Protein backbone atom coordinates (compact mmCIF):
# COMPACT_ATOMS: atom_id res chain seq x y z
CA UNK A 1 -56.78 -27.27 -2.55
CA UNK A 2 -53.18 -27.54 -1.23
CA UNK A 3 -50.86 -30.18 0.34
CA UNK A 4 -49.36 -30.47 3.77
CA UNK A 5 -49.79 -27.84 6.50
CA UNK A 6 -47.39 -28.02 9.53
CA UNK A 7 -46.60 -24.89 11.57
CA UNK A 8 -44.09 -24.57 14.34
CA UNK A 9 -43.96 -20.89 14.64
CA UNK A 10 -45.92 -17.73 13.81
CA UNK A 11 -46.09 -16.97 10.15
CA UNK A 12 -44.08 -13.81 9.09
CA UNK A 13 -45.87 -10.59 8.16
CA UNK A 14 -44.44 -10.58 4.71
CA UNK A 15 -45.67 -9.55 1.12
CA UNK A 16 -44.89 -12.90 -0.19
CA UNK A 17 -47.07 -14.70 2.35
CA UNK A 18 -49.78 -12.25 2.13
CA UNK A 19 -50.04 -12.75 -1.65
CA UNK A 20 -50.53 -16.52 -0.82
CA UNK A 21 -53.14 -15.88 1.81
CA UNK A 22 -54.97 -13.41 -0.38
CA UNK A 23 -55.39 -16.17 -3.13
CA UNK A 24 -56.69 -18.56 -0.43
CA UNK A 25 -59.04 -16.03 0.97
CA UNK A 26 -60.35 -15.10 -2.52
CA UNK A 27 -61.54 -18.58 -2.99
CA UNK A 28 -65.01 -19.64 -1.82
CA UNK A 29 -63.51 -22.83 -0.17
CA UNK A 30 -59.82 -23.56 0.77
CA UNK A 31 -58.93 -27.13 1.66
CA UNK A 32 -55.75 -28.53 2.88
CA UNK A 33 -53.99 -31.42 5.04
CA UNK A 34 -53.31 -30.45 8.55
CA UNK A 35 -50.23 -32.79 8.97
CA UNK A 36 -50.09 -32.57 12.75
CA UNK A 37 -52.09 -32.94 15.97
CA UNK A 38 -52.90 -29.71 17.70
CA UNK A 39 -51.87 -30.04 21.23
CA UNK A 40 -49.27 -29.51 23.95
CA UNK A 41 -50.15 -32.86 25.63
CA UNK A 42 -49.58 -36.56 25.01
CA UNK A 43 -46.63 -38.89 24.80
CA UNK A 44 -44.72 -39.64 21.57
CA UNK A 45 -45.72 -42.97 20.18
CA UNK A 46 -43.00 -45.36 18.83
CA UNK A 47 -42.20 -44.19 15.39
CA UNK A 48 -39.56 -42.55 13.49
CA UNK A 49 -40.70 -38.97 13.48
CA UNK A 50 -43.16 -37.35 15.92
CA UNK A 51 -44.87 -34.07 15.17
CA UNK A 52 -47.34 -31.72 16.83
CA UNK A 53 -48.42 -28.07 16.61
CA UNK A 54 -49.02 -25.64 19.43
CA UNK A 55 -52.76 -24.69 19.71
CA UNK A 56 -51.88 -21.08 19.55
CA UNK A 57 -50.86 -21.39 16.02
CA UNK A 58 -54.23 -22.87 14.73
CA UNK A 59 -55.41 -19.32 14.44
CA UNK A 60 -52.80 -18.75 11.86
CA UNK A 61 -54.29 -21.57 9.67
CA UNK A 62 -57.61 -19.83 9.84
CA UNK A 63 -56.16 -16.38 9.11
CA UNK A 64 -54.54 -17.79 5.87
CA UNK A 65 -58.03 -18.51 4.69
CA UNK A 66 -58.59 -22.28 5.12
CA UNK A 67 -62.29 -23.21 5.51
CA UNK A 68 -61.84 -26.96 5.98
CA UNK A 69 -58.97 -29.45 6.62
CA UNK A 70 -58.31 -33.22 6.34
CA UNK A 71 -56.80 -34.90 9.40
CA UNK A 72 -56.26 -38.32 7.75
CA UNK A 73 -52.56 -38.62 7.84
CA UNK A 74 -49.62 -40.54 9.35
CA UNK A 75 -48.91 -37.93 12.01
CA UNK A 76 -52.31 -37.44 13.47
CA UNK A 77 -51.66 -40.13 16.20
CA UNK A 78 -48.07 -39.06 16.90
CA UNK A 79 -48.69 -38.12 20.44
CA UNK A 80 -51.50 -40.66 21.11
CA UNK A 81 -55.16 -40.46 21.77
CA UNK A 82 -54.82 -37.59 24.17
CA UNK A 83 -53.32 -35.26 21.57
CA UNK A 84 -55.70 -36.66 18.97
CA UNK A 85 -58.72 -35.67 21.06
CA UNK A 86 -57.18 -32.27 21.94
CA UNK A 87 -57.00 -31.67 18.12
CA UNK A 88 -60.67 -32.43 17.47
CA UNK A 89 -61.55 -30.07 20.46
CA UNK A 90 -59.44 -27.20 19.32
CA UNK A 91 -60.82 -27.49 15.73
CA UNK A 92 -64.45 -27.42 17.16
CA UNK A 93 -63.62 -24.47 19.32
CA UNK A 94 -62.21 -22.60 16.24
CA UNK A 95 -65.17 -23.73 14.12
CA UNK A 96 -62.86 -25.20 11.54
CA UNK A 97 -64.53 -28.21 9.79
CA UNK A 98 -62.42 -31.40 9.35
CA UNK A 99 -62.73 -34.82 7.63
CA UNK A 100 -60.80 -37.94 7.67
CA UNK A 101 -60.79 -38.54 11.44
CA UNK A 102 -63.29 -38.90 14.32
CA UNK A 103 -64.30 -40.96 17.31
CA UNK A 104 -64.98 -44.02 15.43
CA UNK A 105 -64.83 -45.55 11.80
CA UNK A 106 -68.13 -44.00 10.87
CA UNK A 107 -67.26 -40.54 12.03
CA UNK A 108 -63.89 -40.75 10.27
CA UNK A 109 -65.41 -41.45 6.93
CA UNK A 110 -68.29 -39.01 7.38
CA UNK A 111 -68.42 -36.31 4.62
CA UNK A 112 -68.55 -32.62 5.39
CA UNK A 113 -70.73 -30.81 2.98
CA UNK A 114 -70.32 -27.14 2.28
CA UNK A 115 -72.64 -25.00 0.13
CA UNK A 116 -71.11 -23.08 -2.69
CA UNK A 117 -73.94 -20.91 -4.28
CA UNK A 118 -76.45 -23.68 -5.46
CA UNK A 119 -73.76 -26.33 -5.58
CA UNK A 120 -73.14 -28.54 -2.51
CA UNK A 121 -69.49 -29.69 -2.14
CA UNK A 122 -68.70 -32.80 -0.10
CA UNK A 123 -65.30 -33.45 1.40
CA UNK A 124 -63.79 -36.62 2.51
CA UNK A 125 -60.28 -37.75 3.74
CA UNK A 126 -58.50 -41.03 4.06
CA UNK A 127 -54.83 -42.24 4.61
CA UNK A 128 -52.97 -45.18 3.35
CA UNK A 129 -49.98 -44.05 5.34
CA UNK A 130 -50.95 -44.98 8.94
CA UNK A 131 -49.03 -44.30 12.20
CA UNK A 132 -49.16 -47.25 14.74
CA UNK A 133 -52.66 -47.55 16.18
CA UNK A 134 -54.00 -44.61 14.35
CA UNK A 135 -56.69 -46.40 12.11
CA UNK A 136 -60.18 -45.81 13.27
CA UNK A 137 -62.48 -48.81 13.76
CA UNK A 138 -65.84 -49.55 15.25
CA UNK A 139 -65.73 -48.00 18.71
CA UNK A 140 -62.18 -46.80 18.31
CA UNK A 141 -61.12 -43.27 17.34
CA UNK A 142 -58.61 -42.53 14.70
CA UNK A 143 -58.23 -41.66 11.01
CA UNK A 144 -60.11 -43.11 7.97
CA UNK A 145 -57.89 -45.96 6.75
CA UNK A 146 -57.25 -47.50 3.38
CA UNK A 147 -54.64 -50.01 4.36
CA UNK A 148 -52.14 -51.61 1.92
CA UNK A 149 -50.68 -55.09 1.53
CA UNK A 150 -47.11 -55.52 0.30
CA UNK A 151 -45.33 -58.35 -1.52
CA UNK A 152 -41.76 -58.32 -2.72
CA UNK A 153 -40.15 -59.81 -5.94
CA UNK A 154 -36.59 -60.90 -5.70
CA UNK A 155 -34.84 -61.38 -9.10
CA UNK A 156 -32.02 -63.91 -8.45
CA UNK A 157 -29.97 -62.84 -11.49
CA UNK A 158 -30.26 -59.11 -10.61
CA UNK A 159 -29.37 -59.89 -7.01
CA UNK A 160 -26.32 -61.88 -8.22
CA UNK A 161 -25.03 -59.03 -10.15
CA UNK A 162 -26.20 -56.26 -7.71
CA UNK A 163 -26.21 -57.77 -4.21
CA UNK A 164 -27.77 -55.47 -1.81
CA UNK A 165 -30.35 -54.09 -4.24
CA UNK A 166 -33.90 -53.32 -3.15
CA UNK A 167 -36.55 -55.85 -4.21
CA UNK A 168 -39.46 -54.75 -6.33
CA UNK A 169 -42.39 -53.82 -4.10
CA UNK A 170 -45.98 -54.80 -5.15
CA UNK A 171 -48.80 -53.02 -3.28
CA UNK A 172 -52.53 -53.67 -3.04
CA UNK A 173 -55.36 -52.04 -0.98
CA UNK A 174 -57.11 -54.03 1.66
CA UNK A 175 -60.44 -55.06 -0.06
CA UNK A 176 -62.71 -54.23 3.10
CA UNK A 177 -61.08 -50.79 3.41
CA UNK A 178 -61.47 -50.12 -0.28
CA UNK A 179 -65.09 -51.18 -0.02
CA UNK A 180 -65.68 -48.98 2.88
CA UNK A 181 -64.16 -45.91 0.96
CA UNK A 182 -66.43 -46.63 -2.09
CA UNK A 183 -69.40 -46.60 0.26
CA UNK A 184 -68.41 -43.37 1.70
CA UNK A 185 -68.02 -41.87 -1.69
CA UNK A 186 -71.40 -43.06 -2.72
CA UNK A 187 -72.98 -41.66 0.36
CA UNK A 188 -71.40 -38.27 -0.20
CA UNK A 189 -72.53 -38.30 -3.86
CA UNK A 190 -76.08 -38.77 -2.63
CA UNK A 191 -76.04 -35.58 -0.64
CA UNK A 192 -73.82 -33.37 -2.83
CA UNK A 193 -73.19 -32.25 -6.40
CA UNK A 194 -69.35 -32.46 -6.17
CA UNK A 195 -67.09 -34.67 -4.26
CA UNK A 196 -63.59 -33.85 -3.21
CA UNK A 197 -61.41 -36.65 -1.61
CA UNK A 198 -58.15 -36.04 0.12
CA UNK A 199 -55.86 -39.05 0.16
CA UNK A 200 -52.61 -39.28 2.19
CA UNK A 201 -50.64 -41.75 0.21
CA UNK A 202 -47.61 -42.58 -1.87
CA UNK A 203 -43.91 -42.86 -1.30
CA UNK A 204 -41.45 -39.87 -0.78
CA UNK A 205 -38.57 -39.75 -3.30
CA UNK A 206 -35.72 -40.96 -1.04
CA UNK A 207 -37.90 -44.04 0.21
CA UNK A 208 -38.29 -45.31 -3.40
CA UNK A 209 -35.77 -47.55 -5.28
CA UNK A 210 -34.63 -45.45 -8.31
CA UNK A 211 -35.76 -48.35 -10.64
CA UNK A 212 -39.24 -48.13 -9.04
CA UNK A 213 -39.70 -44.31 -9.23
CA UNK A 214 -43.15 -42.86 -9.54
CA UNK A 215 -46.38 -44.22 -8.08
CA UNK A 216 -47.09 -47.15 -6.00
CA UNK A 217 -49.45 -49.89 -7.50
CA UNK A 218 -52.18 -49.40 -5.05
CA UNK A 219 -52.39 -45.66 -5.81
CA UNK A 220 -53.59 -46.45 -9.20
CA UNK A 221 -55.85 -49.08 -8.05
CA UNK A 222 -57.38 -46.89 -5.34
CA UNK A 223 -57.51 -43.69 -7.35
CA UNK A 224 -59.37 -45.33 -10.28
CA UNK A 225 -61.79 -47.21 -7.99
CA UNK A 226 -62.83 -44.04 -6.07
CA UNK A 227 -63.21 -41.98 -9.21
CA UNK A 228 -65.43 -44.66 -10.66
CA UNK A 229 -67.32 -44.63 -7.31
CA UNK A 230 -68.25 -40.97 -7.76
CA UNK A 231 -65.38 -38.82 -6.55
CA UNK A 232 -65.00 -35.72 -8.88
CA UNK A 233 -61.37 -34.91 -7.70
CA UNK A 234 -58.67 -36.71 -5.65
CA UNK A 235 -56.03 -34.50 -3.98
CA UNK A 236 -53.08 -36.38 -2.70
CA UNK A 237 -50.33 -35.56 -0.36
CA UNK A 238 -47.62 -37.30 1.78
CA UNK A 239 -44.61 -37.63 -0.51
CA UNK A 240 -43.70 -33.93 0.28
CA UNK A 241 -42.95 -33.33 -3.41
CA UNK A 242 -44.97 -32.97 -6.56
CA UNK A 243 -46.12 -36.13 -8.28
CA UNK A 244 -48.02 -36.92 -11.36
CA UNK A 245 -51.55 -35.70 -12.34
CA UNK A 246 -53.87 -38.19 -14.09
CA UNK A 247 -57.23 -38.08 -15.53
CA UNK A 248 -59.48 -40.98 -15.12
CA UNK A 249 -63.04 -41.00 -16.72
CA UNK A 250 -62.34 -37.27 -17.33
CA UNK A 251 -61.75 -36.63 -13.58
CA UNK A 252 -58.36 -35.50 -12.15
CA UNK A 253 -56.15 -37.38 -9.68
CA UNK A 254 -53.52 -35.03 -8.23
CA UNK A 255 -51.27 -37.77 -6.73
CA UNK A 256 -49.39 -35.31 -4.70
CA UNK A 257 -49.51 -31.42 -4.50
CA UNK A 258 -46.31 -31.51 -2.18
CA UNK A 259 -45.86 -29.32 0.95
CA UNK A 260 -47.73 -26.04 1.37
CA UNK A 261 -46.49 -24.78 4.73
CA UNK A 262 -43.98 -27.08 6.21
CA UNK A 263 -41.79 -25.72 9.06
CA UNK A 264 -38.69 -27.44 10.51
CA UNK A 265 -39.99 -29.91 13.23
CA UNK A 266 -39.17 -28.84 16.70
CA UNK A 267 -40.48 -32.05 18.35
CA UNK A 268 -38.81 -35.38 19.09
CA UNK A 269 -36.81 -36.28 15.94
CA UNK A 270 -34.36 -39.29 16.00
CA UNK A 271 -34.84 -39.36 19.84
CA UNK A 272 -37.31 -42.22 20.19
CA UNK A 273 -36.12 -45.78 20.74
CA UNK A 274 -37.61 -46.50 17.25
CA UNK A 275 -35.85 -43.72 15.48
CA UNK A 276 -32.45 -44.35 17.29
CA UNK A 277 -32.41 -48.04 16.22
CA UNK A 278 -33.92 -47.62 12.71
CA UNK A 279 -31.54 -48.96 9.93
CA UNK A 280 -32.15 -45.93 7.80
CA UNK A 281 -29.81 -42.92 7.14
CA UNK A 282 -31.16 -39.90 5.24
CA UNK A 283 -28.82 -37.40 3.71
CA UNK A 284 -31.42 -35.49 1.66
CA UNK A 285 -31.69 -31.85 2.13
CA UNK A 286 -35.25 -31.31 3.05
CA UNK A 287 -35.18 -27.80 1.67
CA UNK A 288 -33.91 -28.73 -1.74
CA UNK A 289 -35.84 -27.73 -4.90
CA UNK A 290 -37.76 -31.02 -5.19
CA UNK A 291 -39.21 -30.72 -1.52
CA UNK A 292 -39.97 -27.09 -1.92
CA UNK A 293 -41.94 -26.83 -5.04
CA UNK A 294 -45.70 -27.01 -4.82
CA UNK A 295 -48.81 -26.04 -6.54
CA UNK A 296 -52.10 -24.58 -5.32
CA UNK A 297 -55.00 -26.39 -7.26
CA UNK A 298 -57.88 -24.21 -8.10
CA UNK A 299 -61.21 -25.81 -9.19
CA UNK A 300 -63.76 -23.38 -10.85
CA UNK A 301 -67.05 -25.01 -10.43
CA UNK A 302 -69.40 -23.58 -13.06
CA UNK A 303 -72.26 -26.00 -12.47
CA UNK A 304 -72.84 -29.49 -10.68
CA UNK A 305 -70.32 -32.02 -11.65
CA UNK A 306 -68.24 -29.83 -13.83
CA UNK A 307 -65.01 -28.05 -13.04
CA UNK A 308 -62.01 -26.22 -14.65
CA UNK A 309 -58.65 -26.51 -13.07
CA UNK A 310 -55.74 -24.09 -12.85
CA UNK A 311 -52.51 -24.70 -10.86
CA UNK A 312 -50.68 -21.86 -9.28
CA UNK A 313 -47.02 -22.66 -8.64
CA UNK A 314 -45.36 -21.78 -5.43
CA UNK A 315 -42.02 -22.40 -3.68
CA UNK A 316 -41.23 -22.84 0.09
CA UNK A 317 -38.53 -20.65 1.43
CA UNK A 318 -35.85 -21.76 3.78
CA UNK A 319 -38.18 -21.62 6.78
CA UNK A 320 -40.92 -23.68 4.92
CA UNK A 321 -43.27 -20.77 4.07
CA UNK A 322 -44.68 -20.51 0.57
CA UNK A 323 -44.39 -17.78 -1.95
CA UNK A 324 -46.09 -17.67 -5.31
CA UNK A 325 -43.94 -17.97 -8.36
CA UNK A 326 -44.37 -16.09 -11.62
CA UNK A 327 -42.66 -15.75 -15.03
CA UNK A 328 -40.12 -18.48 -16.07
CA UNK A 329 -39.88 -19.95 -12.53
CA UNK A 330 -43.67 -20.67 -12.67
CA UNK A 331 -43.33 -22.09 -16.18
CA UNK A 332 -40.56 -24.37 -15.17
CA UNK A 333 -42.64 -25.91 -12.23
CA UNK A 334 -45.71 -26.37 -14.57
CA UNK A 335 -43.58 -27.98 -17.37
CA UNK A 336 -41.87 -30.34 -14.89
CA UNK A 337 -45.29 -31.36 -13.58
CA UNK A 338 -46.56 -31.87 -17.09
CA UNK A 339 -43.61 -33.96 -17.98
CA UNK A 340 -44.15 -36.29 -15.09
CA UNK A 341 -48.00 -36.57 -15.99
CA UNK A 342 -48.23 -38.66 -19.25
CA UNK A 343 -51.96 -39.26 -18.48
CA UNK A 344 -52.76 -35.55 -18.30
CA UNK A 345 -52.14 -32.35 -20.29
CA UNK A 346 -51.05 -29.36 -18.42
CA UNK A 347 -50.30 -26.05 -20.26
CA UNK A 348 -48.79 -22.91 -18.94
CA UNK A 349 -50.57 -19.69 -19.74
CA UNK A 350 -51.24 -16.32 -17.86
CA UNK A 351 -48.81 -17.46 -14.99
CA UNK A 352 -50.52 -20.77 -14.19
CA UNK A 353 -50.94 -24.24 -15.35
CA UNK A 354 -54.23 -25.21 -16.87
CA UNK A 355 -55.43 -28.79 -16.82
CA UNK A 356 -56.87 -29.97 -20.15
CA UNK A 357 -59.90 -32.14 -19.43
CA UNK A 358 -60.45 -34.66 -22.28
């Protein structure tokens, strides 16, 4: 299981990238988040950043070893319904299964079940980060949504002393969306021995007030509810950086694995009316260490409902391509992830992190 995948050019023929691909290919099933429509058509919708990937590069995703992807993310509708439908068509043509998106809400929430020996593994995908118009509904295509309501707390005394400070943001999942997600998990559990849920959620570091660093309230609410509904593991992405690992009822929630392959966007960036008139300015280097560290989560399924987890650290280079880490560099990533994960225990051994299930 890996984080965000976004290609803009052919992958280099390097020993470092071949080592990453060999790890994926050696797994029975490799699963990641395809963070882009696959199309050369469509019109950019009104949003801050629009991304898409040339169809010719989809074969590179397959060559890396991916067996299934989730499409539930905030960029899948970046070039509208035309590019969205192109994406589904290209994936069908390449025989690459996907979850988290479809021609209507039922299709977007439908699980894909893959056999792993005598164990059937079900995959689902959903997004709480939704591009405008991207949520699937009855009779409407899109991605599987778990929408979120926000409320804001203003502290008069703090505002008096620190005018211009950001308010505290409370978040909560839409009840009907969470109930739909629970039903999808229960349906997947009925036809599989092990259920994997990919969730596109959370807040990237530079979007969070420093005094509200970490997870949004709704992530804990949703993560716990879906583990209790029957998910065996939740794999998160969207913040483009590593975030905490938690165990709930003995099952792991990887809140964010970070980027996996993430090239510089060559599409319209800061060019749409929305982006040109947004009040935000961003001075963060997208290739700094926080944005470049990632882990590949490996689940070893010994029998139905049971798994052991190891974490292979990796680092994106200046072009956004991953390379495996070893030695002290690998240890540093795992120790940092362990430090940000008070509800889990991750120990470094033999070049990888190992999640202690208790």
